[in-house]
Amino acid sequence: MQQGRIEMFQETPYDLTNVEVTLKGLEKVRGYHVHVAPVEMQLTFPCEDSTLYGHWNPLNINPKSSPAAGHGTPEQYEMGDLSGKWGTLSGLTHAALTYNDSQLALLGPSSVIGRSVVIHEGEDNARWACATVERGYASTEARELRAIASFHNPGGFAYGYVRFTQLVC
């Protein structure tokens, strides 16, 4: 059975991000990464490259110049290359990892909130599973207000939507 979670914690923009990875059923899995866009659940294939795009890389790190997986320091990899920074999941049936990432922001302009985490299969690097990185909090601590403004002009002048989210403590 496949199941798991990846939790990230950052107190202030100046702190490291603490990451806890708990995954089971990884027999065919190789790597995991933060990708550019969130998962669009209404799609038939929500984990596709055409919707999530590539790894989150706001600092434009050349991945060809990065050391082998798990052998460098976080700033030598793309910001979203979690398996590059901390080692692949190859050969594991389950993972229970904890690490502190100095290059994975939850706060500020390079935040991974609203992006996606993708787990890749080992043989062909296909996208095996994906999820959107969202804020987490206990219902006693805060709640999240969401609103959407949708634009559908029949003449085609304005089409699309704007999504608003506010955390209320």
N, C-alpha and C. Protein backbone atom coordinates (compact mmCIF):
# COMPACT_ATOMS: atom_id res chain seq x y z
N MET A 1 0.84 -1.18 0.00
CA MET A 1 0.00 0.00 0.00
C MET A 1 0.89 1.24 0.00
N GLN A 2 0.58 2.20 -0.88
CA GLN A 2 1.34 3.44 -0.94
C GLN A 2 0.62 4.50 -0.11
N GLN A 3 1.38 5.15 0.73
CA GLN A 3 0.84 6.26 1.50
C GLN A 3 2.00 7.06 2.06
N GLY A 4 1.69 8.26 2.53
CA GLY A 4 2.73 9.04 3.15
C GLY A 4 2.44 10.52 3.16
N ARG A 5 3.44 11.25 3.63
CA ARG A 5 3.31 12.71 3.67
C ARG A 5 4.70 13.32 3.73
N ILE A 6 4.76 14.54 3.29
CA ILE A 6 5.98 15.34 3.39
C ILE A 6 5.55 16.63 4.08
N GLU A 7 6.09 16.88 5.25
CA GLU A 7 5.73 18.07 6.01
C GLU A 7 6.93 19.00 6.10
N MET A 8 6.67 20.30 5.96
CA MET A 8 7.71 21.32 5.99
C MET A 8 7.32 22.37 7.02
N PHE A 9 8.30 22.82 7.82
CA PHE A 9 8.06 23.80 8.87
C PHE A 9 9.11 24.89 8.78
N GLN A 10 8.67 26.16 8.81
CA GLN A 10 9.60 27.29 8.84
C GLN A 10 8.96 28.37 9.70
N GLU A 11 9.62 28.76 10.77
CA GLU A 11 9.07 29.75 11.71
C GLU A 11 9.09 31.17 11.15
N THR A 12 10.24 31.60 10.61
CA THR A 12 10.39 32.94 10.05
C THR A 12 11.15 32.82 8.73
N PRO A 13 11.16 33.86 7.91
CA PRO A 13 11.91 33.80 6.66
C PRO A 13 13.42 33.60 6.85
N TYR A 14 13.90 33.83 8.06
CA TYR A 14 15.33 33.71 8.34
C TYR A 14 15.73 32.33 8.86
N ASP A 15 14.75 31.47 9.12
CA ASP A 15 15.02 30.14 9.66
C ASP A 15 15.15 29.11 8.55
N LEU A 16 15.83 28.00 8.87
CA LEU A 16 15.87 26.85 7.98
C LEU A 16 14.47 26.24 7.91
N THR A 17 14.20 25.52 6.85
CA THR A 17 12.94 24.78 6.76
C THR A 17 13.21 23.35 7.21
N ASN A 18 12.49 22.92 8.21
CA ASN A 18 12.59 21.54 8.69
C ASN A 18 11.64 20.69 7.86
N VAL A 19 12.14 19.56 7.35
CA VAL A 19 11.35 18.69 6.49
C VAL A 19 11.27 17.31 7.10
N GLU A 20 10.07 16.76 7.16
CA GLU A 20 9.85 15.40 7.63
C GLU A 20 9.17 14.62 6.51
N VAL A 21 9.79 13.53 6.08
CA VAL A 21 9.29 12.71 4.99
C VAL A 21 8.92 11.34 5.56
N THR A 22 7.67 10.93 5.37
CA THR A 22 7.21 9.61 5.78
C THR A 22 6.44 9.02 4.60
N LEU A 23 7.04 8.04 3.92
CA LEU A 23 6.44 7.44 2.74
C LEU A 23 6.54 5.92 2.83
N LYS A 24 5.50 5.23 2.36
CA LYS A 24 5.48 3.76 2.33
C LYS A 24 5.05 3.30 0.94
N GLY A 25 5.50 2.10 0.55
CA GLY A 25 5.13 1.54 -0.75
C GLY A 25 5.96 2.10 -1.88
N LEU A 26 7.25 2.26 -1.67
CA LEU A 26 8.14 2.93 -2.61
C LEU A 26 8.90 1.99 -3.54
N GLU A 27 8.47 0.77 -3.72
CA GLU A 27 9.25 -0.22 -4.46
C GLU A 27 9.73 0.27 -5.83
N LYS A 28 8.95 1.07 -6.52
CA LYS A 28 9.30 1.51 -7.88
C LYS A 28 9.72 2.97 -7.96
N VAL A 29 9.94 3.61 -6.84
CA VAL A 29 10.16 5.05 -6.81
C VAL A 29 11.64 5.38 -6.81
N ARG A 30 11.98 6.55 -7.41
CA ARG A 30 13.37 6.99 -7.44
C ARG A 30 13.56 8.33 -6.76
N GLY A 31 12.92 9.38 -7.23
CA GLY A 31 13.18 10.71 -6.71
C GLY A 31 11.92 11.48 -6.37
N TYR A 32 12.12 12.61 -5.68
CA TYR A 32 10.99 13.51 -5.36
C TYR A 32 11.48 14.95 -5.41
N HIS A 33 10.62 15.81 -5.93
CA HIS A 33 11.01 17.19 -6.21
C HIS A 33 9.83 18.12 -6.02
N VAL A 34 10.12 19.39 -5.75
CA VAL A 34 9.11 20.44 -5.80
C VAL A 34 9.08 20.96 -7.23
N HIS A 35 7.90 21.01 -7.83
CA HIS A 35 7.73 21.50 -9.19
C HIS A 35 7.07 22.87 -9.18
N VAL A 36 7.10 23.54 -10.32
CA VAL A 36 6.71 24.94 -10.44
C VAL A 36 5.25 25.22 -10.10
N ALA A 37 4.33 24.44 -10.61
CA ALA A 37 2.90 24.76 -10.53
C ALA A 37 2.15 23.82 -9.59
N PRO A 38 0.98 24.26 -9.10
CA PRO A 38 0.16 23.39 -8.25
C PRO A 38 -0.54 22.31 -9.08
N VAL A 39 -1.03 21.29 -8.41
CA VAL A 39 -1.77 20.21 -9.06
C VAL A 39 -3.18 20.69 -9.38
N GLU A 40 -3.61 20.49 -10.61
CA GLU A 40 -4.98 20.80 -11.01
C GLU A 40 -5.77 19.50 -10.98
N MET A 41 -6.50 19.27 -9.90
CA MET A 41 -7.13 17.98 -9.65
C MET A 41 -8.22 17.62 -10.66
N GLN A 42 -8.80 18.58 -11.35
CA GLN A 42 -9.87 18.27 -12.30
C GLN A 42 -9.34 17.66 -13.60
N LEU A 43 -8.04 17.60 -13.78
CA LEU A 43 -7.47 17.05 -15.00
C LEU A 43 -7.44 15.53 -14.95
N THR A 44 -7.53 14.89 -16.11
CA THR A 44 -7.45 13.43 -16.19
C THR A 44 -6.09 12.94 -15.72
N PHE A 45 -5.02 13.64 -16.10
CA PHE A 45 -3.65 13.30 -15.70
C PHE A 45 -3.03 14.51 -15.00
N PRO A 46 -3.33 14.71 -13.71
CA PRO A 46 -2.90 15.94 -13.03
C PRO A 46 -1.40 16.07 -12.78
N CYS A 47 -0.62 15.00 -12.91
CA CYS A 47 0.82 15.07 -12.62
C CYS A 47 1.67 15.30 -13.86
N GLU A 48 1.07 15.53 -15.00
CA GLU A 48 1.79 15.65 -16.26
C GLU A 48 2.73 16.85 -16.29
N ASP A 49 3.79 16.72 -17.09
CA ASP A 49 4.78 17.78 -17.27
C ASP A 49 4.15 19.06 -17.83
N SER A 50 3.13 18.91 -18.66
CA SER A 50 2.50 20.07 -19.29
C SER A 50 1.70 20.92 -18.31
N THR A 51 1.42 20.39 -17.09
CA THR A 51 0.68 21.17 -16.11
C THR A 51 1.52 21.58 -14.90
N LEU A 52 2.47 20.74 -14.49
CA LEU A 52 3.29 21.05 -13.31
C LEU A 52 4.64 21.64 -13.68
N TYR A 53 5.02 21.49 -14.94
CA TYR A 53 6.29 21.99 -15.46
C TYR A 53 7.47 21.32 -14.76
N GLY A 54 8.63 21.96 -14.75
CA GLY A 54 9.84 21.35 -14.21
C GLY A 54 10.04 21.64 -12.74
N HIS A 55 11.25 21.35 -12.28
CA HIS A 55 11.61 21.57 -10.88
C HIS A 55 11.60 23.07 -10.55
N TRP A 56 11.22 23.41 -9.32
CA TRP A 56 11.26 24.79 -8.84
C TRP A 56 12.72 25.20 -8.74
N ASN A 57 13.11 26.20 -9.54
CA ASN A 57 14.52 26.58 -9.66
C ASN A 57 14.64 28.10 -9.84
N PRO A 58 14.17 28.89 -8.85
CA PRO A 58 14.19 30.35 -9.02
C PRO A 58 15.60 30.95 -9.07
N LEU A 59 16.61 30.22 -8.62
CA LEU A 59 17.98 30.73 -8.64
C LEU A 59 18.73 30.30 -9.91
N ASN A 60 18.03 29.62 -10.82
CA ASN A 60 18.59 29.18 -12.11
C ASN A 60 19.88 28.37 -11.95
N ILE A 61 19.87 27.42 -11.04
CA ILE A 61 21.01 26.51 -10.86
C ILE A 61 21.02 25.55 -12.06
N ASN A 62 22.18 25.34 -12.65
CA ASN A 62 22.31 24.38 -13.74
C ASN A 62 22.39 22.98 -13.14
N PRO A 63 21.36 22.14 -13.32
CA PRO A 63 21.39 20.82 -12.68
C PRO A 63 22.54 19.93 -13.15
N LYS A 64 23.08 20.19 -14.33
CA LYS A 64 24.22 19.40 -14.82
C LYS A 64 25.49 19.68 -14.03
N SER A 65 25.53 20.82 -13.36
CA SER A 65 26.72 21.15 -12.56
C SER A 65 26.56 20.72 -11.10
N SER A 66 25.41 20.16 -10.75
CA SER A 66 25.18 19.71 -9.37
C SER A 66 25.92 18.40 -9.10
N PRO A 67 26.39 18.20 -7.87
CA PRO A 67 27.03 16.92 -7.52
C PRO A 67 26.02 15.77 -7.58
N ALA A 68 26.51 14.55 -7.47
CA ALA A 68 25.62 13.38 -7.42
C ALA A 68 24.66 13.53 -6.25
N ALA A 69 23.51 12.89 -6.36
CA ALA A 69 22.47 13.00 -5.33
C ALA A 69 23.01 12.67 -3.95
N GLY A 70 22.74 13.59 -3.02
CA GLY A 70 23.12 13.38 -1.63
C GLY A 70 24.57 13.67 -1.30
N HIS A 71 25.35 14.22 -2.24
CA HIS A 71 26.78 14.45 -2.01
C HIS A 71 27.19 15.92 -2.00
N GLY A 72 26.24 16.82 -2.13
CA GLY A 72 26.57 18.24 -2.13
C GLY A 72 25.90 18.97 -0.99
N THR A 73 25.92 20.28 -1.06
CA THR A 73 25.22 21.11 -0.10
C THR A 73 23.98 21.69 -0.78
N PRO A 74 22.94 22.07 -0.03
CA PRO A 74 21.67 22.48 -0.64
C PRO A 74 21.77 23.55 -1.72
N GLU A 75 22.69 24.50 -1.58
CA GLU A 75 22.78 25.58 -2.58
C GLU A 75 23.37 25.11 -3.91
N GLN A 76 23.87 23.88 -3.99
CA GLN A 76 24.42 23.35 -5.24
C GLN A 76 23.37 22.69 -6.13
N TYR A 77 22.13 22.63 -5.66
CA TYR A 77 21.05 21.97 -6.39
C TYR A 77 19.92 22.96 -6.67
N GLU A 78 19.05 22.60 -7.59
CA GLU A 78 17.83 23.38 -7.78
C GLU A 78 17.09 23.41 -6.45
N MET A 79 16.42 24.51 -6.15
CA MET A 79 15.72 24.65 -4.89
C MET A 79 14.74 23.49 -4.67
N GLY A 80 14.07 23.05 -5.72
CA GLY A 80 13.08 21.99 -5.60
C GLY A 80 13.62 20.58 -5.71
N ASP A 81 14.91 20.41 -5.92
CA ASP A 81 15.48 19.07 -6.11
C ASP A 81 15.75 18.41 -4.76
N LEU A 82 14.70 17.92 -4.12
CA LEU A 82 14.84 17.33 -2.78
C LEU A 82 15.66 16.06 -2.80
N SER A 83 15.46 15.20 -3.79
CA SER A 83 16.23 13.96 -3.82
C SER A 83 17.68 14.21 -4.23
N GLY A 84 17.95 15.29 -4.93
CA GLY A 84 19.34 15.65 -5.22
C GLY A 84 20.04 16.09 -3.96
N LYS A 85 19.40 16.95 -3.19
CA LYS A 85 20.00 17.48 -1.97
C LYS A 85 20.13 16.43 -0.87
N TRP A 86 19.13 15.55 -0.75
CA TRP A 86 19.06 14.67 0.42
C TRP A 86 19.11 13.18 0.10
N GLY A 87 19.30 12.83 -1.16
CA GLY A 87 19.40 11.43 -1.55
C GLY A 87 18.12 10.91 -2.17
N THR A 88 18.27 9.96 -3.08
CA THR A 88 17.11 9.41 -3.79
C THR A 88 16.37 8.41 -2.90
N LEU A 89 15.23 7.97 -3.40
CA LEU A 89 14.43 6.96 -2.72
C LEU A 89 14.63 5.58 -3.33
N SER A 90 15.56 5.47 -4.26
CA SER A 90 15.81 4.21 -4.97
C SER A 90 16.15 3.09 -4.00
N GLY A 91 15.53 1.93 -4.23
CA GLY A 91 15.81 0.76 -3.42
C GLY A 91 15.11 0.73 -2.08
N LEU A 92 14.33 1.75 -1.76
CA LEU A 92 13.64 1.79 -0.47
C LEU A 92 12.20 1.29 -0.62
N THR A 93 11.69 0.65 0.40
CA THR A 93 10.26 0.31 0.43
C THR A 93 9.51 1.33 1.27
N HIS A 94 10.22 1.98 2.17
CA HIS A 94 9.64 3.07 2.95
C HIS A 94 10.75 4.08 3.29
N ALA A 95 10.33 5.29 3.59
CA ALA A 95 11.29 6.34 3.94
C ALA A 95 10.78 7.08 5.17
N ALA A 96 11.66 7.31 6.11
CA ALA A 96 11.38 8.13 7.28
C ALA A 96 12.59 9.05 7.43
N LEU A 97 12.52 10.21 6.81
CA LEU A 97 13.64 11.14 6.74
C LEU A 97 13.30 12.44 7.46
N THR A 98 14.31 13.05 8.05
CA THR A 98 14.18 14.37 8.65
C THR A 98 15.43 15.15 8.28
N TYR A 99 15.25 16.36 7.78
CA TYR A 99 16.40 17.19 7.45
C TYR A 99 16.03 18.66 7.52
N ASN A 100 17.05 19.51 7.57
CA ASN A 100 16.89 20.97 7.59
C ASN A 100 17.42 21.51 6.28
N ASP A 101 16.59 22.21 5.55
CA ASP A 101 16.96 22.69 4.22
C ASP A 101 17.07 24.21 4.23
N SER A 102 18.27 24.71 4.00
CA SER A 102 18.50 26.16 3.99
C SER A 102 18.03 26.82 2.69
N GLN A 103 17.70 26.02 1.68
CA GLN A 103 17.32 26.57 0.37
C GLN A 103 15.88 26.25 -0.01
N LEU A 104 15.03 25.89 0.94
CA LEU A 104 13.64 25.54 0.66
C LEU A 104 12.75 26.46 1.48
N ALA A 105 12.31 27.55 0.88
CA ALA A 105 11.57 28.58 1.61
C ALA A 105 10.07 28.30 1.61
N LEU A 106 9.45 28.50 2.77
CA LEU A 106 8.00 28.48 2.87
C LEU A 106 7.45 29.90 2.97
N LEU A 107 8.33 30.84 3.24
CA LEU A 107 7.96 32.25 3.40
C LEU A 107 8.78 33.08 2.44
N GLY A 108 8.22 34.18 1.98
CA GLY A 108 8.97 35.08 1.11
C GLY A 108 8.76 34.81 -0.37
N PRO A 109 9.49 35.53 -1.22
CA PRO A 109 9.26 35.48 -2.67
C PRO A 109 9.62 34.15 -3.33
N SER A 110 10.43 33.33 -2.71
CA SER A 110 10.80 32.03 -3.30
C SER A 110 10.06 30.87 -2.65
N SER A 111 8.96 31.17 -2.00
CA SER A 111 8.20 30.15 -1.27
C SER A 111 7.72 29.02 -2.17
N VAL A 112 7.70 27.80 -1.61
CA VAL A 112 7.17 26.65 -2.33
C VAL A 112 5.68 26.44 -2.05
N ILE A 113 5.08 27.26 -1.18
CA ILE A 113 3.65 27.16 -0.91
C ILE A 113 2.91 27.42 -2.22
N GLY A 114 1.96 26.57 -2.55
CA GLY A 114 1.19 26.70 -3.79
C GLY A 114 1.84 26.01 -4.98
N ARG A 115 2.98 25.41 -4.79
CA ARG A 115 3.63 24.63 -5.85
C ARG A 115 3.30 23.15 -5.61
N SER A 116 3.95 22.24 -6.29
CA SER A 116 3.63 20.82 -6.12
C SER A 116 4.85 20.01 -5.76
N VAL A 117 4.63 18.88 -5.12
CA VAL A 117 5.67 17.88 -4.89
C VAL A 117 5.33 16.70 -5.79
N VAL A 118 6.32 16.24 -6.54
CA VAL A 118 6.13 15.11 -7.45
C VAL A 118 7.08 14.00 -7.03
N ILE A 119 6.56 12.78 -6.97
CA ILE A 119 7.38 11.60 -6.73
C ILE A 119 7.48 10.87 -8.06
N HIS A 120 8.72 10.55 -8.47
CA HIS A 120 8.98 9.95 -9.78
C HIS A 120 9.25 8.45 -9.65
N GLU A 121 8.82 7.70 -10.66
CA GLU A 121 9.15 6.28 -10.74
C GLU A 121 10.60 6.13 -11.16
N GLY A 122 11.21 5.02 -10.76
CA GLY A 122 12.62 4.80 -11.02
C GLY A 122 12.97 4.43 -12.44
N GLU A 123 12.22 3.55 -13.07
CA GLU A 123 12.61 3.02 -14.36
C GLU A 123 12.60 4.06 -15.48
N ASP A 124 11.53 4.80 -15.59
CA ASP A 124 11.42 5.75 -16.70
C ASP A 124 11.25 7.20 -16.25
N ASN A 125 11.40 7.46 -14.95
CA ASN A 125 11.26 8.80 -14.38
C ASN A 125 9.86 9.38 -14.56
N ALA A 126 8.87 8.51 -14.81
CA ALA A 126 7.48 8.97 -14.95
C ALA A 126 7.01 9.55 -13.62
N ARG A 127 6.02 10.38 -13.69
CA ARG A 127 5.46 10.98 -12.49
C ARG A 127 4.50 9.98 -11.84
N TRP A 128 4.84 9.52 -10.67
CA TRP A 128 4.13 8.46 -9.98
C TRP A 128 3.00 9.01 -9.10
N ALA A 129 3.28 10.12 -8.40
CA ALA A 129 2.30 10.74 -7.51
C ALA A 129 2.64 12.23 -7.41
N CYS A 130 1.61 13.04 -7.12
CA CYS A 130 1.84 14.47 -6.96
C CYS A 130 0.81 15.06 -5.99
N ALA A 131 1.18 16.18 -5.39
CA ALA A 131 0.29 16.90 -4.47
C ALA A 131 0.72 18.35 -4.40
N THR A 132 -0.21 19.22 -4.09
CA THR A 132 0.09 20.64 -3.93
C THR A 132 0.58 20.91 -2.52
N VAL A 133 1.62 21.75 -2.40
CA VAL A 133 2.13 22.17 -1.09
C VAL A 133 1.20 23.27 -0.58
N GLU A 134 0.56 23.01 0.55
CA GLU A 134 -0.38 23.97 1.13
C GLU A 134 -0.04 24.25 2.57
N ARG A 135 -0.56 25.34 3.10
CA ARG A 135 -0.37 25.67 4.51
C ARG A 135 -1.06 24.60 5.36
N GLY A 136 -0.43 24.27 6.45
CA GLY A 136 -1.05 23.36 7.39
C GLY A 136 -1.15 24.03 8.74
N TYR A 137 -2.23 23.77 9.45
CA TYR A 137 -2.42 24.37 10.76
C TYR A 137 -3.54 23.61 11.45
N ALA A 138 -3.53 23.64 12.76
CA ALA A 138 -4.61 23.03 13.53
C ALA A 138 -5.82 23.95 13.48
N SER A 139 -7.01 23.38 13.48
CA SER A 139 -8.22 24.19 13.41
C SER A 139 -8.37 25.09 14.62
N THR A 140 -7.71 24.76 15.73
CA THR A 140 -7.76 25.62 16.92
C THR A 140 -6.81 26.81 16.80
N GLU A 141 -5.85 26.73 15.89
CA GLU A 141 -4.87 27.81 15.72
C GLU A 141 -5.30 28.86 14.72
N ALA A 142 -5.89 28.42 13.62
CA ALA A 142 -6.22 29.36 12.56
C ALA A 142 -7.21 28.71 11.60
N ARG A 143 -7.71 29.51 10.70
CA ARG A 143 -8.54 29.00 9.61
C ARG A 143 -8.18 29.77 8.35
N GLU A 144 -8.53 29.22 7.24
CA GLU A 144 -8.17 29.83 5.97
C GLU A 144 -9.44 30.25 5.24
N LEU A 145 -9.46 31.50 4.82
CA LEU A 145 -10.57 32.01 4.02
C LEU A 145 -10.15 31.99 2.56
N ARG A 146 -11.03 31.50 1.69
CA ARG A 146 -10.73 31.44 0.27
C ARG A 146 -11.86 32.08 -0.52
N ALA A 147 -11.48 32.75 -1.60
CA ALA A 147 -12.46 33.34 -2.50
C ALA A 147 -11.92 33.23 -3.92
N ILE A 148 -12.83 33.24 -4.88
CA ILE A 148 -12.41 33.18 -6.27
C ILE A 148 -13.24 34.19 -7.07
N ALA A 149 -12.57 34.93 -7.93
CA ALA A 149 -13.23 35.85 -8.86
C ALA A 149 -13.07 35.24 -10.25
N SER A 150 -14.19 34.94 -10.89
CA SER A 150 -14.16 34.25 -12.17
C SER A 150 -14.63 35.19 -13.28
N PHE A 151 -13.92 35.21 -14.39
CA PHE A 151 -14.23 36.10 -15.51
C PHE A 151 -14.53 35.28 -16.76
N HIS A 152 -15.75 35.42 -17.28
CA HIS A 152 -16.15 34.67 -18.47
C HIS A 152 -16.96 35.58 -19.38
N ASN A 153 -16.29 36.44 -20.09
CA ASN A 153 -16.96 37.36 -21.01
C ASN A 153 -17.32 36.62 -22.28
N PRO A 154 -18.59 36.65 -22.69
CA PRO A 154 -18.98 35.92 -23.91
C PRO A 154 -18.26 36.41 -25.16
N GLY A 155 -17.82 37.65 -25.15
CA GLY A 155 -17.10 38.17 -26.30
C GLY A 155 -15.63 37.79 -26.31
N GLY A 156 -15.18 37.12 -25.28
CA GLY A 156 -13.80 36.66 -25.21
C GLY A 156 -12.81 37.70 -24.71
N PHE A 157 -13.29 38.83 -24.18
CA PHE A 157 -12.39 39.89 -23.75
C PHE A 157 -11.69 39.57 -22.45
N ALA A 158 -12.37 38.88 -21.56
CA ALA A 158 -11.77 38.51 -20.28
C ALA A 158 -12.20 37.09 -19.95
N TYR A 159 -11.20 36.25 -19.70
CA TYR A 159 -11.49 34.87 -19.37
C TYR A 159 -10.45 34.38 -18.37
N GLY A 160 -10.88 33.75 -17.31
CA GLY A 160 -9.95 33.22 -16.32
C GLY A 160 -10.46 33.44 -14.92
N TYR A 161 -9.57 33.35 -13.96
CA TYR A 161 -9.97 33.53 -12.57
C TYR A 161 -8.79 34.03 -11.74
N VAL A 162 -9.13 34.61 -10.60
CA VAL A 162 -8.15 35.03 -9.61
C VAL A 162 -8.58 34.36 -8.31
N ARG A 163 -7.64 33.70 -7.66
CA ARG A 163 -7.93 32.99 -6.43
C ARG A 163 -7.31 33.77 -5.26
N PHE A 164 -8.07 33.99 -4.21
CA PHE A 164 -7.60 34.71 -3.03
C PHE A 164 -7.59 33.75 -1.83
N THR A 165 -6.56 33.85 -1.00
CA THR A 165 -6.46 33.04 0.21
C THR A 165 -5.92 33.93 1.32
N GLN A 166 -6.55 33.84 2.49
CA GLN A 166 -6.07 34.61 3.65
C GLN A 166 -6.14 33.72 4.88
N LEU A 167 -5.06 33.69 5.64
CA LEU A 167 -5.01 32.94 6.88
C LEU A 167 -5.50 33.84 8.01
N VAL A 168 -6.48 33.39 8.78
CA VAL A 168 -7.02 34.15 9.88
C VAL A 168 -6.65 33.44 11.18
N CYS A 169 -5.86 34.13 12.01
CA CYS A 169 -5.42 33.51 13.28
C CYS A 169 -6.29 33.90 14.42
